[in-house]
Amino acid sequence: YLDSVKGRFTISRDNVKNTVYLQMNSLKPEDTAVYYCNF
């Protein structure tokens, strides 16, 4: 994890569904951005 999101964001994957998730909690204004997934 990026240091600034440690403890707030959680990444997980479902290999059967070919899906990756990003749970983002305690969001801050500095988290504002376009988010891209990458395989």
All heavy atoms as atom14 arrays in JSON, in Angstrom:
{
  "sequence": "YLDSVKGRFTISRDNVKNTVYLQMNSLKPEDTAVYYCNF",
  "atom14_mask": [
    [1, 1, 1, 1, 1, 1, 1, 1, 1, 1, 1, 1, 0, 0],
    [1, 1, 1, 1, 1, 1, 1, 1, 0, 0, 0, 0, 0, 0],
    [1, 1, 1, 1, 1, 1, 1, 1, 0, 0, 0, 0, 0, 0],
    [1, 1, 1, 1, 1, 1, 0, 0, 0, 0, 0, 0, 0, 0],
    [1, 1, 1, 1, 1, 1, 1, 0, 0, 0, 0, 0, 0, 0],
    [1, 1, 1, 1, 1, 1, 1, 1, 1, 0, 0, 0, 0, 0],
    [1, 1, 1, 1, 0, 0, 0, 0, 0, 0, 0, 0, 0, 0],
    [1, 1, 1, 1, 1, 1, 1, 1, 1, 1, 1, 0, 0, 0],
    [1, 1, 1, 1, 1, 1, 1, 1, 1, 1, 1, 0, 0, 0],
    [1, 1, 1, 1, 1, 1, 1, 0, 0, 0, 0, 0, 0, 0],
    [1, 1, 1, 1, 1, 1, 1, 1, 0, 0, 0, 0, 0, 0],
    [1, 1, 1, 1, 1, 1, 0, 0, 0, 0, 0, 0, 0, 0],
    [1, 1, 1, 1, 1, 1, 1, 1, 1, 1, 1, 0, 0, 0],
    [1, 1, 1, 1, 1, 1, 1, 1, 0, 0, 0, 0, 0, 0],
    [1, 1, 1, 1, 1, 1, 1, 1, 0, 0, 0, 0, 0, 0],
    [1, 1, 1, 1, 1, 1, 1, 0, 0, 0, 0, 0, 0, 0],
    [1, 1, 1, 1, 1, 1, 1, 1, 1, 0, 0, 0, 0, 0],
    [1, 1, 1, 1, 1, 1, 1, 1, 0, 0, 0, 0, 0, 0],
    [1, 1, 1, 1, 1, 1, 1, 0, 0, 0, 0, 0, 0, 0],
    [1, 1, 1, 1, 1, 1, 1, 0, 0, 0, 0, 0, 0, 0],
    [1, 1, 1, 1, 1, 1, 1, 1, 1, 1, 1, 1, 0, 0],
    [1, 1, 1, 1, 1, 1, 1, 1, 0, 0, 0, 0, 0, 0],
    [1, 1, 1, 1, 1, 1, 1, 1, 1, 0, 0, 0, 0, 0],
    [1, 1, 1, 1, 1, 1, 1, 1, 0, 0, 0, 0, 0, 0],
    [1, 1, 1, 1, 1, 1, 1, 1, 0, 0, 0, 0, 0, 0],
    [1, 1, 1, 1, 1, 1, 0, 0, 0, 0, 0, 0, 0, 0],
    [1, 1, 1, 1, 1, 1, 1, 1, 0, 0, 0, 0, 0, 0],
    [1, 1, 1, 1, 1, 1, 1, 1, 1, 0, 0, 0, 0, 0],
    [1, 1, 1, 1, 1, 1, 1, 0, 0, 0, 0, 0, 0, 0],
    [1, 1, 1, 1, 1, 1, 1, 1, 1, 0, 0, 0, 0, 0],
    [1, 1, 1, 1, 1, 1, 1, 1, 0, 0, 0, 0, 0, 0],
    [1, 1, 1, 1, 1, 1, 1, 0, 0, 0, 0, 0, 0, 0],
    [1, 1, 1, 1, 1, 0, 0, 0, 0, 0, 0, 0, 0, 0],
    [1, 1, 1, 1, 1, 1, 1, 0, 0, 0, 0, 0, 0, 0],
    [1, 1, 1, 1, 1, 1, 1, 1, 1, 1, 1, 1, 0, 0],
    [1, 1, 1, 1, 1, 1, 1, 1, 1, 1, 1, 1, 0, 0],
    [1, 1, 1, 1, 1, 1, 0, 0, 0, 0, 0, 0, 0, 0],
    [1, 1, 1, 1, 1, 1, 1, 1, 0, 0, 0, 0, 0, 0],
    [1, 1, 1, 1, 1, 1, 1, 1, 1, 1, 1, 0, 0, 0]
  ],
  "atom14_positions": [
    [[0.83, -1.21, 0.0], [0.0, 0.0, 0.0], [0.86, 1.26, 0.0], [1.94, 1.29, 0.58], [-0.9, 0.03, 1.24], [-1.95, -1.03, 1.28], [-1.73, -2.25, 1.92], [-3.19, -0.83, 0.67], [-2.7, -3.23, 1.95], [-4.17, -1.8, 0.69], [-3.92, -3.01, 1.33], [-4.88, -3.98, 1.36], [0.0, 0.0, 0.0], [0.0, 0.0, 0.0]],
    [[0.33, 2.29, -0.63], [0.89, 3.63, -0.5], [0.8, 4.03, 0.97], [-0.22, 3.76, 1.63], [0.07, 4.58, -1.38], [0.47, 6.04, -1.46], [1.8, 6.19, -2.19], [-0.63, 6.82, -2.18], [0.0, 0.0, 0.0], [0.0, 0.0, 0.0], [0.0, 0.0, 0.0], [0.0, 0.0, 0.0], [0.0, 0.0, 0.0], [0.0, 0.0, 0.0]],
    [[1.85, 4.64, 1.5], [1.87, 4.95, 2.93], [0.64, 5.75, 3.37], [0.09, 5.51, 4.45], [3.14, 5.74, 3.27], [4.36, 4.85, 3.36], [4.2, 3.61, 3.39], [5.48, 5.38, 3.39], [0.0, 0.0, 0.0], [0.0, 0.0, 0.0], [0.0, 0.0, 0.0], [0.0, 0.0, 0.0], [0.0, 0.0, 0.0], [0.0, 0.0, 0.0]],
    [[0.22, 6.69, 2.55], [-0.86, 7.58, 2.96], [-2.23, 6.89, 3.02], [-3.18, 7.47, 3.56], [-0.94, 8.79, 2.02], [-1.24, 8.37, 0.7], [0.0, 0.0, 0.0], [0.0, 0.0, 0.0], [0.0, 0.0, 0.0], [0.0, 0.0, 0.0], [0.0, 0.0, 0.0], [0.0, 0.0, 0.0], [0.0, 0.0, 0.0], [0.0, 0.0, 0.0]],
    [[-2.34, 5.67, 2.51], [-3.63, 4.98, 2.55], [-3.6, 3.76, 3.48], [-4.64, 3.12, 3.68], [-4.1, 4.54, 1.15], [-4.06, 5.71, 0.18], [-3.31, 3.35, 0.62], [0.0, 0.0, 0.0], [0.0, 0.0, 0.0], [0.0, 0.0, 0.0], [0.0, 0.0, 0.0], [0.0, 0.0, 0.0], [0.0, 0.0, 0.0], [0.0, 0.0, 0.0]],
    [[-2.45, 3.46, 4.04], [-2.35, 2.31, 4.94], [-3.31, 2.46, 6.1], [-3.41, 3.52, 6.72], [-0.92, 2.15, 5.44], [0.04, 1.6, 4.41], [1.45, 1.47, 5.0], [2.41, 0.92, 3.96], [3.81, 0.86, 4.48], [0.0, 0.0, 0.0], [0.0, 0.0, 0.0], [0.0, 0.0, 0.0], [0.0, 0.0, 0.0], [0.0, 0.0, 0.0]],
    [[-4.02, 1.38, 6.41], [-4.98, 1.41, 7.5], [-6.35, 1.92, 7.1], [-7.31, 1.8, 7.87], [0.0, 0.0, 0.0], [0.0, 0.0, 0.0], [0.0, 0.0, 0.0], [0.0, 0.0, 0.0], [0.0, 0.0, 0.0], [0.0, 0.0, 0.0], [0.0, 0.0, 0.0], [0.0, 0.0, 0.0], [0.0, 0.0, 0.0], [0.0, 0.0, 0.0]],
    [[-6.45, 2.5, 5.9], [-7.74, 3.03, 5.44], [-8.27, 2.28, 4.21], [-9.48, 2.11, 4.06], [-7.61, 4.52, 5.09], [-7.18, 5.39, 6.24], [-7.26, 6.88, 5.88], [-6.36, 7.25, 4.79], [-6.75, 7.79, 3.64], [-8.04, 8.01, 3.41], [-5.86, 8.1, 2.7], [0.0, 0.0, 0.0], [0.0, 0.0, 0.0], [0.0, 0.0, 0.0]],
    [[-7.37, 1.84, 3.35], [-7.75, 1.15, 2.12], [-7.39, -0.33, 2.23], [-6.38, -0.68, 2.83], [-7.01, 1.73, 0.91], [-7.43, 3.12, 0.51], [-8.25, 3.91, 1.3], [-6.98, 3.66, -0.69], [-8.62, 5.19, 0.92], [-7.34, 4.92, -1.1], [-8.16, 5.69, -0.28], [0.0, 0.0, 0.0], [0.0, 0.0, 0.0], [0.0, 0.0, 0.0]],
    [[-8.2, -1.17, 1.59], [-7.94, -2.6, 1.55], [-8.16, -3.11, 0.13], [-9.24, -2.9, -0.45], [-8.86, -3.37, 2.51], [-8.69, -2.87, 3.84], [-8.52, -4.86, 2.48], [0.0, 0.0, 0.0], [0.0, 0.0, 0.0], [0.0, 0.0, 0.0], [0.0, 0.0, 0.0], [0.0, 0.0, 0.0], [0.0, 0.0, 0.0], [0.0, 0.0, 0.0]],
    [[-7.16, -3.77, -0.42], [-7.28, -4.38, -1.74], [-7.54, -5.86, -1.58], [-7.0, -6.5, -0.68], [-6.0, -4.12, -2.59], [-6.23, -4.55, -4.04], [-4.78, -4.79, -1.97], [-5.12, -4.11, -4.98], [0.0, 0.0, 0.0], [0.0, 0.0, 0.0], [0.0, 0.0, 0.0], [0.0, 0.0, 0.0], [0.0, 0.0, 0.0], [0.0, 0.0, 0.0]],
    [[-8.39, -6.4, -2.44], [-8.68, -7.83, -2.43], [-8.98, -8.28, -3.85], [-9.2, -7.45, -4.74], [-9.85, -8.15, -1.5], [-11.02, -7.48, -1.93], [0.0, 0.0, 0.0], [0.0, 0.0, 0.0], [0.0, 0.0, 0.0], [0.0, 0.0, 0.0], [0.0, 0.0, 0.0], [0.0, 0.0, 0.0], [0.0, 0.0, 0.0], [0.0, 0.0, 0.0]],
    [[-8.97, -9.59, -4.06], [-9.19, -10.11, -5.4], [-10.06, -11.35, -5.36], [-10.08, -12.07, -4.36], [-7.85, -10.42, -6.09], [-7.01, -11.47, -5.38], [-5.59, -11.52, -5.94], [-5.53, -12.16, -7.24], [-4.44, -12.2, -8.0], [-3.33, -11.59, -7.59], [-4.45, -12.8, -9.16], [0.0, 0.0, 0.0], [0.0, 0.0, 0.0], [0.0, 0.0, 0.0]],
    [[-10.77, -11.57, -6.45], [-11.56, -12.78, -6.64], [-11.11, -13.38, -7.96], [-11.47, -12.89, -9.04], [-13.06, -12.44, -6.68], [-13.93, -13.68, -6.77], [-13.5, -14.69, -7.37], [-15.06, -13.65, -6.25], [0.0, 0.0, 0.0], [0.0, 0.0, 0.0], [0.0, 0.0, 0.0], [0.0, 0.0, 0.0], [0.0, 0.0, 0.0], [0.0, 0.0, 0.0]],
    [[-10.28, -14.4, -7.89], [-9.69, -14.97, -9.09], [-10.73, -15.65, -9.98], [-10.58, -15.67, -11.21], [-8.6, -15.97, -8.73], [-7.4, -15.3, -8.11], [-7.07, -14.16, -8.44], [-6.75, -15.98, -7.19], [0.0, 0.0, 0.0], [0.0, 0.0, 0.0], [0.0, 0.0, 0.0], [0.0, 0.0, 0.0], [0.0, 0.0, 0.0], [0.0, 0.0, 0.0]],
    [[-11.77, -16.18, -9.39], [-12.82, -16.84, -10.17], [-13.54, -15.81, -11.03], [-13.87, -16.05, -12.19], [-13.81, -17.58, -9.26], [-14.98, -18.14, -10.06], [-13.09, -18.69, -8.5], [0.0, 0.0, 0.0], [0.0, 0.0, 0.0], [0.0, 0.0, 0.0], [0.0, 0.0, 0.0], [0.0, 0.0, 0.0], [0.0, 0.0, 0.0], [0.0, 0.0, 0.0]],
    [[-13.78, -14.65, -10.47], [-14.51, -13.58, -11.19], [-13.57, -12.64, -11.94], [-14.03, -11.69, -12.57], [-15.34, -12.76, -10.2], [-16.44, -13.55, -9.52], [-17.25, -12.66, -8.58], [-18.38, -13.42, -7.91], [-19.16, -12.56, -6.99], [0.0, 0.0, 0.0], [0.0, 0.0, 0.0], [0.0, 0.0, 0.0], [0.0, 0.0, 0.0], [0.0, 0.0, 0.0]],
    [[-12.26, -12.88, -11.87], [-11.27, -11.98, -12.5], [-11.51, -10.54, -12.08], [-11.53, -9.62, -12.91], [-11.34, -12.09, -14.03], [-10.78, -13.41, -14.53], [-9.93, -14.01, -13.89], [-11.28, -13.86, -15.66], [0.0, 0.0, 0.0], [0.0, 0.0, 0.0], [0.0, 0.0, 0.0], [0.0, 0.0, 0.0], [0.0, 0.0, 0.0], [0.0, 0.0, 0.0]],
    [[-11.7, -10.35, -10.78], [-12.05, -9.04, -10.25], [-11.12, -8.65, -9.12], [-10.74, -9.49, -8.3], [-13.51, -9.06, -9.74], [-14.39, -9.35, -10.84], [-13.9, -7.72, -9.14], [0.0, 0.0, 0.0], [0.0, 0.0, 0.0], [0.0, 0.0, 0.0], [0.0, 0.0, 0.0], [0.0, 0.0, 0.0], [0.0, 0.0, 0.0], [0.0, 0.0, 0.0]],
    [[-10.81, -7.37, -9.08], [-10.05, -6.8, -7.97], [-10.9, -5.69, -7.36], [-11.61, -4.98, -8.07], [-8.67, -6.29, -8.42], [-8.78, -5.14, -9.41], [-7.82, -5.9, -7.23], [0.0, 0.0, 0.0], [0.0, 0.0, 0.0], [0.0, 0.0, 0.0], [0.0, 0.0, 0.0], [0.0, 0.0, 0.0], [0.0, 0.0, 0.0], [0.0, 0.0, 0.0]],
    [[-10.81, -5.56, -6.05], [-11.6, -4.57, -5.32], [-10.67, -3.63, -4.56], [-9.55, -4.0, -4.2], [-12.52, -5.26, -4.31], [-13.44, -6.29, -4.9], [-13.11, -7.64, -4.86], [-14.64, -5.92, -5.5], [-13.96, -8.6, -5.41], [-15.5, -6.88, -6.05], [-15.14, -8.21, -5.99], [-15.98, -9.15, -6.53], [0.0, 0.0, 0.0], [0.0, 0.0, 0.0]],
    [[-11.17, -2.44, -4.28], [-10.47, -1.52, -3.4], [-11.51, -0.91, -2.46], [-12.34, -0.11, -2.89], [-9.74, -0.42, -4.17], [-8.89, 0.51, -3.31], [-7.68, -0.28, -2.75], [-8.38, 1.7, -4.12], [0.0, 0.0, 0.0], [0.0, 0.0, 0.0], [0.0, 0.0, 0.0], [0.0, 0.0, 0.0], [0.0, 0.0, 0.0], [0.0, 0.0, 0.0]],
    [[-11.47, -1.34, -1.22], [-12.34, -0.77, -0.2], [-11.63, 0.43, 0.38], [-10.52, 0.32, 0.9], [-12.63, -1.8, 0.9], [-13.5, -1.28, 2.02], [-14.9, -0.94, 1.58], [-15.52, -1.7, 0.85], [-15.4, 0.21, 2.04], [0.0, 0.0, 0.0], [0.0, 0.0, 0.0], [0.0, 0.0, 0.0], [0.0, 0.0, 0.0], [0.0, 0.0, 0.0]],
    [[-12.29, 1.58, 0.3], [-11.68, 2.83, 0.76], [-12.53, 3.4, 1.89], [-13.7, 3.75, 1.68], [-11.6, 3.83, -0.4], [-10.86, 3.29, -1.61], [-10.62, 4.53, -2.91], [-12.32, 4.8, -3.42], [0.0, 0.0, 0.0], [0.0, 0.0, 0.0], [0.0, 0.0, 0.0], [0.0, 0.0, 0.0], [0.0, 0.0, 0.0], [0.0, 0.0, 0.0]],
    [[-11.95, 3.47, 3.07], [-12.63, 4.01, 4.24], [-11.94, 5.27, 4.71], [-10.8, 5.55, 4.34], [-12.63, 2.97, 5.37], [-13.37, 1.7, 5.0], [-14.33, 1.71, 4.23], [-12.9, 0.58, 5.54], [0.0, 0.0, 0.0], [0.0, 0.0, 0.0], [0.0, 0.0, 0.0], [0.0, 0.0, 0.0], [0.0, 0.0, 0.0], [0.0, 0.0, 0.0]],
    [[-12.62, 6.03, 5.55], [-12.07, 7.27, 6.11], [-11.46, 8.13, 5.02], [-10.33, 8.63, 5.14], [-11.0, 6.93, 7.17], [-11.56, 6.13, 8.2], [0.0, 0.0, 0.0], [0.0, 0.0, 0.0], [0.0, 0.0, 0.0], [0.0, 0.0, 0.0], [0.0, 0.0, 0.0], [0.0, 0.0, 0.0], [0.0, 0.0, 0.0], [0.0, 0.0, 0.0]],
    [[-12.2, 8.33, 3.96], [-11.69, 9.07, 2.81], [-11.41, 10.52, 3.16], [-12.11, 11.14, 3.99], [-12.68, 8.99, 1.64], [-12.64, 7.66, 0.89], [-13.9, 7.43, 0.1], [-11.41, 7.61, -0.02], [0.0, 0.0, 0.0], [0.0, 0.0, 0.0], [0.0, 0.0, 0.0], [0.0, 0.0, 0.0], [0.0, 0.0, 0.0], [0.0, 0.0, 0.0]],
    [[-10.37, 11.06, 2.52], [-9.94, 12.43, 2.74], [-9.99, 13.2, 1.42], [-9.88, 12.58, 0.34], [-8.5, 12.44, 3.27], [-8.3, 11.64, 4.55], [-6.83, 11.63, 4.94], [-6.6, 10.83, 6.21], [-5.18, 10.81, 6.61], [0.0, 0.0, 0.0], [0.0, 0.0, 0.0], [0.0, 0.0, 0.0], [0.0, 0.0, 0.0], [0.0, 0.0, 0.0]],
    [[-10.09, 14.51, 1.46], [-10.1, 15.28, 0.21], [-8.87, 15.0, -0.66], [-8.98, 15.02, -1.9], [-10.13, 16.73, 0.71], [-10.84, 16.66, 2.01], [-10.38, 15.36, 2.63], [0.0, 0.0, 0.0], [0.0, 0.0, 0.0], [0.0, 0.0, 0.0], [0.0, 0.0, 0.0], [0.0, 0.0, 0.0], [0.0, 0.0, 0.0], [0.0, 0.0, 0.0]],
    [[-7.74, 14.72, -0.05], [-6.53, 14.44, -0.82], [-6.58, 13.09, -1.53], [-5.68, 12.79, -2.31], [-5.28, 14.53, 0.06], [-5.35, 13.74, 1.33], [-5.78, 14.59, 2.53], [-6.73, 15.4, 2.38], [-5.16, 14.44, 3.6], [0.0, 0.0, 0.0], [0.0, 0.0, 0.0], [0.0, 0.0, 0.0], [0.0, 0.0, 0.0], [0.0, 0.0, 0.0]],
    [[-7.59, 12.29, -1.28], [-7.78, 11.04, -2.02], [-8.49, 11.28, -3.36], [-8.63, 10.35, -4.16], [-8.6, 10.04, -1.21], [-7.89, 9.58, 0.06], [-6.68, 9.33, -0.02], [-8.56, 9.46, 1.09], [0.0, 0.0, 0.0], [0.0, 0.0, 0.0], [0.0, 0.0, 0.0], [0.0, 0.0, 0.0], [0.0, 0.0, 0.0], [0.0, 0.0, 0.0]],
    [[-8.93, 12.5, -3.59], [-9.61, 12.83, -4.84], [-8.69, 12.61, -6.03], [-7.57, 13.13, -6.07], [-10.09, 14.29, -4.82], [-11.09, 14.43, -3.81], [-10.68, 14.69, -6.17], [0.0, 0.0, 0.0], [0.0, 0.0, 0.0], [0.0, 0.0, 0.0], [0.0, 0.0, 0.0], [0.0, 0.0, 0.0], [0.0, 0.0, 0.0], [0.0, 0.0, 0.0]],
    [[-9.14, 11.81, -6.98], [-8.33, 11.47, -8.15], [-9.14, 10.57, -9.08], [-10.23, 10.11, -8.71], [-7.06, 10.74, -7.72], [0.0, 0.0, 0.0], [0.0, 0.0, 0.0], [0.0, 0.0, 0.0], [0.0, 0.0, 0.0], [0.0, 0.0, 0.0], [0.0, 0.0, 0.0], [0.0, 0.0, 0.0], [0.0, 0.0, 0.0], [0.0, 0.0, 0.0]],
    [[-8.59, 10.32, -10.25], [-9.1, 9.26, -11.11], [-8.35, 7.99, -10.73], [-7.12, 7.99, -10.69], [-8.91, 9.58, -12.59], [-9.41, 8.41, -13.46], [-9.64, 10.87, -12.96], [0.0, 0.0, 0.0], [0.0, 0.0, 0.0], [0.0, 0.0, 0.0], [0.0, 0.0, 0.0], [0.0, 0.0, 0.0], [0.0, 0.0, 0.0], [0.0, 0.0, 0.0]],
    [[-9.09, 6.94, -10.44], [-8.5, 5.67, -10.03], [-8.54, 4.68, -11.2], [-9.58, 4.51, -11.84], [-9.27, 5.11, -8.83], [-8.93, 5.81, -7.54], [-9.35, 7.12, -7.32], [-8.18, 5.19, -6.55], [-9.03, 7.79, -6.15], [-7.86, 5.84, -5.37], [-8.29, 7.15, -5.18], [-7.96, 7.8, -4.01], [0.0, 0.0, 0.0], [0.0, 0.0, 0.0]],
    [[-7.4, 4.04, -11.43], [-7.25, 3.1, -12.53], [-6.87, 1.72, -11.99], [-5.99, 1.61, -11.13], [-6.15, 3.54, -13.48], [-6.36, 4.88, -14.14], [-5.91, 6.05, -13.53], [-6.99, 4.97, -15.38], [-6.1, 7.28, -14.14], [-7.17, 6.19, -16.0], [-6.73, 7.34, -15.37], [-6.91, 8.56, -15.98], [0.0, 0.0, 0.0], [0.0, 0.0, 0.0]],
    [[-7.48, 0.69, -12.53], [-7.02, -0.65, -12.18], [-6.02, -1.14, -13.23], [-6.01, -0.67, -14.37], [-8.18, -1.64, -12.04], [-9.15, -1.89, -13.52], [0.0, 0.0, 0.0], [0.0, 0.0, 0.0], [0.0, 0.0, 0.0], [0.0, 0.0, 0.0], [0.0, 0.0, 0.0], [0.0, 0.0, 0.0], [0.0, 0.0, 0.0], [0.0, 0.0, 0.0]],
    [[-5.19, -2.06, -12.8], [-4.11, -2.56, -13.65], [-3.9, -4.04, -13.37], [-3.81, -4.44, -12.21], [-2.84, -1.77, -13.36], [-1.62, -2.32, -14.06], [-0.96, -3.21, -13.55], [-1.33, -1.79, -15.23], [0.0, 0.0, 0.0], [0.0, 0.0, 0.0], [0.0, 0.0, 0.0], [0.0, 0.0, 0.0], [0.0, 0.0, 0.0], [0.0, 0.0, 0.0]],
    [[-3.89, -4.85, -14.45], [-3.57, -6.27, -14.33], [-2.26, -6.5, -15.08], [-2.14, -6.1, -16.24], [-4.65, -7.14, -14.98], [-5.94, -7.25, -14.21], [-6.26, -6.39, -13.18], [-6.85, -8.25, -14.53], [-7.45, -6.51, -12.48], [-8.04, -8.37, -13.85], [-8.36, -7.5, -12.83], [0.0, 0.0, 0.0], [0.0, 0.0, 0.0], [0.0, 0.0, 0.0]]
  ]
}
